[in-house]
Protein backbone atom coordinates (compact mmCIF):
# COMPACT_ATOMS: atom_id res chain seq x y z
CA MET A 1 -33.83 35.44 3.36
CA GLY A 2 -31.08 33.07 4.41
CA TYR A 3 -28.71 30.32 3.32
CA ILE A 4 -29.36 26.73 2.35
CA ILE A 5 -26.34 24.42 2.60
CA TRP A 6 -26.14 21.53 0.17
CA GLY A 7 -24.48 18.64 2.01
CA THR A 8 -24.39 17.37 5.58
CA GLY A 9 -20.79 16.16 5.48
CA ARG A 10 -17.68 17.62 7.05
CA ARG A 11 -17.59 20.61 4.74
CA GLY A 12 -21.28 21.34 5.26
CA SER A 13 -20.91 21.34 9.03
CA SER A 14 -17.77 23.51 8.86
CA LEU A 15 -19.36 26.14 6.62
CA TYR A 16 -22.49 26.09 8.78
CA GLU A 17 -20.50 27.49 11.70
CA TYR A 18 -19.63 30.65 9.78
CA VAL A 19 -23.24 31.48 8.87
CA ARG A 20 -25.20 29.43 11.40
CA ASP A 21 -27.60 32.22 12.37
CA ASP A 22 -28.70 32.57 8.74
CA VAL A 23 -28.97 28.90 7.75
CA LYS A 24 -32.52 27.73 7.12
CA ALA A 25 -31.97 24.15 5.99
CA PHE A 26 -29.63 21.55 4.50
CA ILE A 27 -30.16 19.81 1.16
CA GLU A 28 -29.33 16.13 0.76
CA SER A 29 -29.45 13.76 -2.19
CA ASP A 30 -29.55 10.80 0.19
CA GLN A 31 -33.26 9.98 0.50
CA SER A 32 -32.77 8.39 3.92
CA LYS A 33 -31.69 11.76 5.37
CA ILE A 34 -34.52 13.84 3.90
CA GLY A 35 -37.09 14.70 6.55
CA THR A 36 -34.58 14.45 9.41
CA ALA A 37 -32.70 17.26 11.14
CA TYR A 38 -29.01 18.17 11.07
CA LEU A 39 -27.44 20.66 13.48
CA GLY A 40 -30.98 21.60 14.45
CA LYS A 41 -31.97 22.46 10.86
CA PRO A 42 -34.35 20.53 8.58
CA VAL A 43 -32.86 18.30 5.90
CA ILE A 44 -34.73 18.71 2.63
CA GLY A 45 -34.55 17.45 -0.95
CA PHE A 46 -33.88 19.51 -4.06
CA ARG A 47 -37.55 19.59 -5.05
CA GLU A 48 -38.57 21.10 -1.70
CA TYR A 49 -35.81 23.68 -2.06
CA CYS A 50 -37.23 24.74 -5.44
CA GLU A 51 -40.75 24.93 -4.03
CA LYS A 52 -40.10 26.63 -0.67
CA TYR A 53 -36.61 28.15 -0.56
CA ALA A 54 -35.97 29.40 -4.08
CA GLU A 55 -35.23 32.95 -2.84
CA ASP A 56 -32.51 31.77 -0.47
CA ILE A 57 -28.83 31.57 -1.38
CA LEU A 58 -27.33 28.13 -1.83
CA ILE A 59 -23.95 27.08 -0.46
CA VAL A 60 -22.73 23.99 -2.32
CA SER A 61 -20.40 22.24 0.13
CA PRO A 62 -19.20 18.97 -1.55
CA ALA A 63 -15.75 19.06 -3.12
CA ASP A 64 -16.99 16.95 -6.02
CA ASP A 65 -19.78 19.31 -7.04
CA GLU A 66 -19.99 19.00 -10.84
CA ALA A 67 -23.21 16.96 -10.82
CA ILE A 68 -24.82 19.47 -8.44
CA LEU A 69 -23.75 22.42 -10.57
CA ALA A 70 -25.13 20.75 -13.69
CA LEU A 71 -28.49 20.22 -11.92
CA LEU A 72 -28.59 23.86 -10.82
CA ARG A 73 -27.84 25.11 -14.31
CA GLN A 74 -30.52 22.84 -15.78
CA ASN A 75 -33.00 24.51 -13.44
CA ASN A 76 -31.69 28.05 -14.14
CA ILE A 77 -30.45 28.48 -10.59
CA PHE A 78 -27.36 30.68 -10.44
CA HIS A 79 -27.54 32.24 -6.96
CA PHE A 80 -25.12 29.92 -5.20
CA PHE A 81 -21.66 29.82 -3.65
CA ARG A 82 -19.23 26.91 -3.97
CA SER A 83 -17.07 25.64 -1.14
CA ASN A 84 -14.29 25.11 -3.72
CA GLU A 85 -14.07 28.89 -4.10
CA CYS A 86 -12.98 29.25 -0.47
CA PRO A 87 -9.53 28.58 1.05
CA TRP A 88 -9.07 24.97 2.15
CA GLU A 89 -8.61 25.98 5.79
CA ILE A 90 -11.99 27.74 5.76
CA VAL A 91 -13.78 24.87 4.00
CA GLU A 92 -12.42 21.78 5.69
CA ARG A 93 -12.60 22.90 9.28
CA TYR A 94 -14.09 25.63 11.40
CA GLU A 95 -11.27 28.19 11.71
CA PRO A 96 -12.67 31.45 13.13
CA ASP A 97 -9.13 32.48 14.12
CA ILE A 98 -8.33 33.17 10.46
CA LEU A 99 -11.15 35.68 10.16
CA GLU A 100 -10.36 37.22 13.54
CA ASN A 101 -6.72 37.68 12.50
CA ILE A 102 -7.84 39.28 9.23
CA GLY A 103 -10.07 41.61 11.23
CA ARG A 104 -7.19 42.71 13.44
CA LYS A 105 -5.01 43.44 10.40
CA MET A 106 -7.79 45.34 8.64
CA GLN A 107 -8.01 47.80 11.55
CA ALA A 108 -5.04 49.54 9.95
CA TYR A 109 -7.07 50.12 6.76
CA THR A 110 -10.03 52.00 8.20
CA ASP A 111 -8.82 55.25 6.62
CA LYS A 112 -8.61 53.70 3.14
CA LYS A 113 -11.01 52.72 0.41
CA ILE A 114 -10.84 48.91 0.18
CA TYR A 115 -11.75 46.78 -2.80
CA VAL A 116 -12.40 43.09 -2.11
CA ILE A 117 -12.07 41.12 -5.35
CA GLY A 118 -13.93 37.82 -5.35
CA LEU A 119 -17.61 37.01 -5.10
CA SER A 120 -17.71 33.88 -2.95
CA LEU A 121 -18.75 32.87 0.52
CA TYR A 122 -15.22 33.71 1.64
CA GLY A 123 -15.61 37.14 0.04
CA ILE A 124 -18.83 37.62 2.01
CA LEU A 125 -17.08 36.63 5.26
CA VAL A 126 -14.27 39.13 4.63
CA ALA A 127 -16.78 41.82 3.66
CA ARG A 128 -18.65 41.17 6.92
CA ILE A 129 -15.43 41.90 8.82
CA LEU A 130 -14.84 45.16 6.98
CA LYS A 131 -18.44 46.18 7.52
CA ARG A 132 -18.22 45.44 11.24
CA ILE A 133 -15.07 47.52 11.82
CA GLY A 134 -16.39 50.43 9.76
CA CYS A 135 -14.21 50.25 6.63
CA ASP A 136 -15.21 51.91 3.38
CA PHE A 137 -15.21 48.95 1.02
CA SER A 138 -16.67 47.51 -2.17
CA LEU A 139 -17.11 43.81 -2.92
CA ILE A 140 -16.06 43.27 -6.53
CA SER A 141 -17.27 40.34 -8.61
CA GLU A 142 -14.45 39.14 -10.84
CA ARG A 143 -16.95 37.44 -13.14
CA LYS A 144 -20.42 38.21 -14.51
CA CYS A 145 -23.04 38.38 -11.76
CA ASP A 146 -26.70 38.88 -12.66
CA ALA A 147 -28.85 41.52 -11.03
CA GLY A 148 -30.99 38.94 -9.23
CA PHE A 149 -28.01 37.49 -7.36
CA ARG A 150 -26.78 40.98 -6.46
CA ARG A 151 -30.23 41.77 -5.04
CA LEU A 152 -30.29 38.60 -2.94
CA ILE A 153 -26.84 39.33 -1.52
CA TYR A 154 -27.82 42.89 -0.64
CA GLU A 155 -31.06 41.76 1.02
CA GLN A 156 -29.24 39.07 2.99
CA GLU A 157 -25.98 40.84 3.86
CA GLY A 158 -26.51 44.53 3.20
CA ILE A 159 -23.48 44.35 0.89
CA ARG A 160 -23.51 45.78 -2.61
CA VAL A 161 -21.69 43.81 -5.30
CA MET A 162 -19.86 45.87 -7.93
CA ASP A 163 -18.21 45.04 -11.27
CA MET A 164 -14.47 45.13 -11.95
CA ASP A 165 -14.82 48.36 -13.93
CA CYS A 166 -15.85 50.09 -10.67
CA LEU A 167 -12.37 49.55 -9.25
CA GLN A 168 -10.51 52.86 -9.03
CA GLU A 169 -7.02 52.52 -7.61
CA GLY A 170 -5.30 55.45 -6.00
CA LYS A 171 -2.97 56.47 -3.20
CA ASN A 172 -5.56 55.83 -0.52
CA THR A 173 -6.89 52.51 -1.77
CA GLU A 174 -6.16 48.88 -0.89
CA VAL A 175 -7.07 45.91 -3.07
CA LEU A 176 -7.62 42.57 -1.32
CA VAL A 177 -7.91 39.46 -3.49
CA VAL A 178 -10.10 36.75 -2.00
CA SER A 179 -10.81 35.13 -5.37
CA GLY A 180 -9.40 31.71 -6.13
CA ASN A 181 -10.46 31.78 -9.77
CA LYS A 182 -7.71 31.56 -12.34
CA ASP A 183 -6.79 34.99 -13.63
CA GLU A 184 -3.28 35.80 -14.84
CA ALA A 185 -3.81 39.55 -14.53
CA ILE A 186 -4.77 39.18 -10.86
CA THR A 187 -1.76 36.94 -10.22
CA ASP A 188 0.60 39.46 -11.78
CA LYS A 189 -0.83 42.29 -9.65
CA ILE A 190 -0.28 40.23 -6.50
CA ILE A 191 3.28 39.20 -7.39
CA SER A 192 4.11 42.84 -8.17
CA GLY A 193 2.92 43.82 -4.70
CA LYS A 194 0.17 46.12 -5.98
CA TRP A 195 -2.64 43.90 -4.68
CA LYS A 196 -2.76 41.89 -1.47
CA GLU A 197 -3.28 38.11 -1.47
CA LEU A 198 -6.02 36.84 0.81
CA PHE A 199 -7.08 33.62 -0.93
CA PHE A 200 -4.02 31.95 0.55
CA PRO A 201 -4.41 33.43 4.04
CA GLY A 202 -0.97 32.34 5.26
CA GLU A 203 -0.15 35.39 7.35
CA PHE A 204 -3.51 35.08 9.09
CA PHE A 205 -3.22 31.39 10.00
CA PRO A 206 -3.49 30.33 13.65
CA GLN A 207 -0.09 29.52 15.11
CA ARG A 208 -0.60 25.76 14.76
CA PHE A 209 -0.32 26.14 10.98
CA ILE A 210 2.82 28.29 11.03
CA ASN A 211 6.22 26.84 11.92
CA ALA A 212 8.31 29.72 13.22
CA GLU A 213 11.34 27.42 13.46
CA ILE A 214 11.54 27.37 9.66
CA CYS A 215 12.28 31.11 9.76
CA ARG A 216 15.88 30.33 10.70
CA PHE A 217 16.37 29.10 7.13
CA LYS A 218 15.13 32.27 5.47
CA ASN A 219 17.91 33.65 3.23
CA LYS A 220 20.38 31.25 4.85
CA HIS A 221 21.93 30.52 1.45
CA LYS A 222 21.61 33.93 -0.12
CA ASN A 223 23.51 34.25 -3.42
CA GLN A 224 24.46 30.56 -3.46
CA ARG A 225 23.59 27.84 -5.97
CA CYS A 226 21.62 24.72 -5.26
CA PHE A 227 20.49 21.64 -7.16
CA ILE A 228 17.05 20.16 -6.72
CA VAL A 229 17.57 16.44 -7.25
CA ALA A 230 14.34 14.77 -8.32
CA THR A 231 13.94 11.02 -8.80
CA GLY A 232 13.07 10.72 -12.48
CA PRO A 233 14.57 7.97 -14.67
CA SER A 234 17.09 10.38 -16.22
CA ILE A 235 19.10 10.60 -12.97
CA LYS A 236 22.43 8.79 -13.05
CA ILE A 237 24.62 7.88 -10.10
CA GLU A 238 27.45 9.71 -11.88
CA ASP A 239 25.37 12.90 -11.58
CA LEU A 240 25.23 12.50 -7.82
CA GLU A 241 28.96 11.81 -7.70
CA MET A 242 29.55 15.01 -9.67
CA LEU A 243 27.48 17.00 -7.18
CA GLN A 244 29.42 15.37 -4.35
CA SER A 245 32.84 16.12 -5.81
CA HIS A 246 31.96 19.79 -6.34
CA ARG A 247 30.34 20.13 -2.90
CA GLU A 248 27.13 21.47 -4.37
CA MET A 249 24.20 22.26 -2.08
CA CYS A 250 21.36 19.84 -2.82
CA ILE A 251 17.69 19.48 -1.99
CA SER A 252 16.13 16.11 -2.71
CA MET A 253 12.90 14.26 -2.03
CA ASN A 254 10.72 11.20 -1.80
CA LYS A 255 12.58 7.89 -2.35
CA ILE A 256 16.02 9.29 -3.11
CA PHE A 257 17.28 6.97 -0.35
CA TYR A 258 17.24 4.14 -2.92
CA ALA A 259 20.43 5.70 -4.33
CA PHE A 260 22.33 5.67 -1.05
CA ASP A 261 23.77 2.16 -1.45
CA GLN A 262 25.51 3.23 -4.68
CA THR A 263 27.05 6.57 -3.70
CA ASP A 264 28.44 8.56 -0.79
CA TRP A 265 26.50 11.59 -2.01
CA ARG A 266 23.76 12.76 0.34
CA PRO A 267 21.38 15.74 0.02
CA ASP A 268 21.73 18.64 2.41
CA TYR A 269 17.95 19.00 2.61
CA TYR A 270 15.13 16.54 2.10
CA VAL A 271 11.47 17.31 1.36
CA GLY A 272 8.55 14.90 1.73
CA GLU A 273 4.92 15.69 1.17
CA ASP A 274 2.71 12.89 -0.09
CA VAL A 275 0.55 11.17 2.51
CA ASN A 276 1.42 7.75 1.11
CA LEU A 277 5.13 8.49 1.36
CA PHE A 278 4.82 8.96 5.11
CA LYS A 279 2.40 6.08 5.50
CA TYR A 280 4.59 3.49 3.80
CA TYR A 281 8.16 4.83 3.98
CA ALA A 282 8.46 6.61 7.34
CA SER A 283 11.06 4.15 8.64
CA GLU A 284 13.26 4.72 5.58
CA ILE A 285 12.96 8.49 5.89
CA GLY A 286 13.71 8.41 9.60
CA GLY A 287 16.48 5.81 9.40
CA LYS A 288 18.29 6.50 6.15
CA VAL A 289 17.95 10.25 5.52
CA ASP A 290 20.38 12.30 7.62
CA ALA A 291 19.61 15.57 5.86
CA VAL A 292 17.57 18.38 7.40
CA LYS A 293 14.05 17.21 6.65
CA PHE A 294 11.08 19.39 5.70
CA LEU A 295 7.95 17.28 5.95
CA ALA A 296 4.41 18.33 5.15
CA ASP A 297 1.55 18.18 7.64
CA THR A 298 -0.38 15.85 5.34
CA TYR A 299 -0.01 12.88 7.71
CA ASP A 300 0.72 12.26 11.38
CA TRP A 301 4.31 11.11 10.96
CA ASP A 302 5.69 12.59 14.21
CA ALA A 303 5.89 9.26 16.02
CA ASP A 304 8.03 7.72 13.27
CA ILE A 305 10.30 10.62 12.24
CA ARG A 306 11.55 12.52 15.25
CA GLU A 307 15.02 13.83 14.46
CA ASN A 308 16.18 16.84 12.48
CA ARG A 309 12.80 17.62 10.88
CA PHE A 310 10.60 20.64 10.37
CA LYS A 311 6.90 20.43 9.64
CA TYR A 312 5.42 22.76 7.03
CA HIS A 313 1.81 23.39 6.09
CA VAL A 314 0.22 22.39 2.77
CA SER A 315 -3.00 24.12 1.83
CA PHE A 316 -4.99 21.88 -0.47
CA SER A 317 -6.99 23.39 -3.29
CA ASP A 318 -9.13 22.40 -6.23
CA ARG A 319 -6.82 21.97 -9.24
CA ASN A 320 -8.86 24.58 -11.09
CA ARG A 321 -8.06 27.31 -8.59
CA ARG A 322 -5.54 30.11 -9.02
CA ILE A 323 -1.99 29.32 -7.88
CA CYS A 324 -1.05 31.44 -4.88
CA GLY A 325 1.04 31.66 -1.73
CA GLY A 326 4.42 30.03 -1.16
CA GLU A 327 6.62 33.07 -0.81
CA GLU A 328 6.84 32.65 2.97
CA PHE A 329 7.59 28.94 3.35
CA SER A 330 7.11 29.03 7.14
CA GLN A 331 3.43 29.69 6.43
CA GLY A 332 3.22 26.83 3.95
CA TYR A 333 1.93 26.98 0.41
CA THR A 334 -0.92 25.88 -1.83
CA CYS A 335 -0.51 22.28 -3.00
CA GLY A 336 1.30 22.06 -6.35
CA TYR A 337 0.64 18.33 -6.90
CA SER A 338 4.35 17.51 -6.99
CA VAL A 339 6.91 17.65 -4.20
CA ILE A 340 9.22 19.41 -6.67
CA ILE A 341 7.01 22.49 -6.20
CA ALA A 342 7.65 22.46 -2.46
CA CYS A 343 11.39 22.13 -3.11
CA LEU A 344 11.31 25.17 -5.40
CA TYR A 345 9.47 27.28 -2.83
CA LEU A 346 11.93 26.18 -0.14
CA ALA A 347 14.95 27.02 -2.29
CA ILE A 348 13.55 30.49 -3.03
CA TYR A 349 12.84 31.00 0.68
CA MET A 350 16.41 30.02 1.55
CA GLY A 351 17.68 32.74 -0.78
CA PHE A 352 19.49 30.66 -3.40
CA SER A 353 20.18 32.89 -6.39
CA GLU A 354 20.53 29.99 -8.82
CA ILE A 355 18.38 26.87 -8.69
CA VAL A 356 19.04 23.93 -11.01
CA LEU A 357 16.67 21.01 -11.48
CA ILE A 358 17.86 17.54 -12.42
CA GLY A 359 15.84 14.35 -12.67
CA ALA A 360 12.62 16.34 -13.11
CA ASP A 361 11.38 14.25 -16.04
CA MET A 362 7.70 14.73 -15.06
CA SER A 363 6.60 12.09 -17.56
CA TYR A 364 4.89 9.02 -16.14
CA THR A 365 3.20 5.94 -17.49
CA ASN A 366 -0.37 5.31 -16.39
CA THR A 367 0.84 2.70 -13.92
CA PHE A 368 2.94 4.70 -11.46
CA SER A 369 4.72 1.64 -10.07
CA ASP A 370 6.29 0.89 -13.47
CA SER A 371 10.04 0.61 -13.05
CA GLY A 372 10.67 3.12 -15.84
CA ASN A 373 9.11 6.01 -13.94
CA HIS A 374 12.00 6.53 -11.49
CA PHE A 375 15.76 6.12 -11.43
CA TYR A 376 15.60 3.28 -8.88
CA GLY A 377 13.75 0.95 -11.22
CA ASP A 378 12.69 -2.29 -9.49
CA LYS A 379 14.13 -1.42 -6.07
CA ASP A 380 10.84 -0.15 -4.69
CA ARG A 381 9.31 -3.44 -3.59
CA ILE A 382 6.68 -1.68 -1.47
CA GLY A 383 5.44 0.27 -4.44
CA ARG A 384 5.39 -2.75 -6.71
CA LYS A 385 3.27 -4.68 -4.22
CA ASN A 386 0.82 -1.87 -3.55
CA GLU A 387 -0.18 0.58 -6.27
CA LYS A 388 -1.85 2.78 -3.62
CA VAL A 389 1.52 4.12 -2.50
CA TYR A 390 1.52 6.34 -5.60
CA SER A 391 -0.61 9.46 -5.93
CA ALA A 392 -1.91 10.69 -9.26
CA PHE A 393 0.26 13.16 -11.15
CA TYR A 394 -1.61 16.13 -12.59
CA THR A 395 0.61 17.56 -15.31
CA ASP A 396 -1.49 20.68 -15.90
CA ALA A 397 -1.51 21.70 -12.24
CA VAL A 398 2.22 21.10 -11.83
CA MET A 399 3.12 23.13 -14.90
CA GLU A 400 0.90 26.01 -13.79
CA SER A 401 2.65 25.99 -10.41
CA CYS A 402 6.02 26.09 -12.17
CA GLU A 403 4.90 29.07 -14.25
CA TYR A 404 3.83 30.89 -11.09
CA ILE A 405 7.13 30.08 -9.36
CA LEU A 406 9.09 31.35 -12.37
CA LYS A 407 7.32 34.72 -12.05
CA LEU A 408 8.05 34.77 -8.33
CA ALA A 409 11.71 33.96 -8.93
CA LYS A 410 12.11 36.67 -11.58
CA LYS A 411 10.68 39.21 -9.14
CA LYS A 412 13.44 38.25 -6.68
CA GLY A 413 16.20 38.07 -9.29
CA ILE A 414 16.55 34.30 -8.91
CA GLY A 415 17.42 32.08 -11.87
CA ILE A 416 15.78 28.66 -12.19
CA TYR A 417 17.14 26.24 -14.79
CA ASN A 418 16.29 22.73 -15.91
CA ALA A 419 19.30 20.44 -16.43
CA THR A 420 17.17 17.30 -16.72
CA ARG A 421 17.97 15.05 -19.65
CA GLY A 422 14.75 14.89 -21.65
CA GLY A 423 11.41 14.96 -19.89
CA ILE A 424 8.52 17.32 -20.51
CA LEU A 425 9.29 20.26 -18.20
CA GLU A 426 9.81 23.22 -20.53
CA VAL A 427 8.79 26.07 -18.20
CA PHE A 428 12.35 26.78 -17.06
CA PRO A 429 15.27 27.44 -19.43
CA ARG A 430 17.21 24.31 -20.34
CA VAL A 431 20.89 23.95 -19.50
CA ASP A 432 23.36 21.12 -20.01
CA PHE A 433 24.23 19.48 -16.69
CA SER A 434 27.90 18.80 -17.52
CA SER A 435 28.44 22.44 -18.56
CA LEU A 436 27.68 23.67 -15.04
CA PHE A 437 30.99 22.49 -13.56
């Protein structure tokens, strides 16, 4: 018994390190690699896997794995794990510190019955920790798992896989969620505090992921109101002047600096996240934006933007994964595919009791550089010359993140409202901008 890893790329090599003693071979589709060795293990083709390794568990490492999954289903192979079902920090790099930190925290649970919800490679790694430190635990599959796969896991790991109906919560139990699969019931349990989130392992990150300096902003604006000023076409300069005249606290983003030559208004806080924003507009961010800047670790922008900035961590995830994390902004959050999501998490972290969105139209033409997509129209010459400066906008993922944030805000007694004129964002209650003053 052992593991076969499909893929010899970065993800394959990273996942190998977690289970290296049990890896028998790598599978490759590239014919030129078959028959060679990788990390001291043979590289085989799919046919050889079927003939010689059919009783071993597959780990499918590529992020784009749909073709592989279709091939496995065609051949009635269902005993596999997907890298996409693991946290990004586990998949994309070898991070043993995360598991070690989880192990240290779990020492406090040795007197409890622990349920680990999520049958994945990550679930196996967490179960290994609990087994090593002597915890009484059950690994729970959140989806249907056939008897053959259960048998293989038990033979390989000595871990029994149970169904969800085996979960029996009580005073002396702890439920750890390692599953990244979408499940509203699981999300609600986590937000309520009844179950513990482990799929976004923020509190277990190594220190290089966590920016303790951001903690100074936690609840800094408790019981105050703020406006999140997005850059949609519905924004008017008069709106910014209104915010200025009423001294409203504002968080803005991206290319808001294109408004600065028309108004004295300036945001108090600025958030930037997209890799292309830093790649093409770092000089504008560093030179024109005087606000306190929160910039994601998606790009090495340190050399260009040095003053008054705080780096935060973005954990990337397959768009089909469950939304999670974000409550502790110093630990980062799971990518929401719009910088507006980061602004919302930051505002909640800062303790604002009322958060109002303006300019959050969230409706784009297929060509992102079209002048009608943002308030600044034709001003963005860089964008007009190079379509690559725009990242794709995934409406479904953004809306799901907004729905999650709304639940989080309600838990904290925070009101989020949308004062955007038009647009497609209907998750938050609508309010009229002019009525707020």
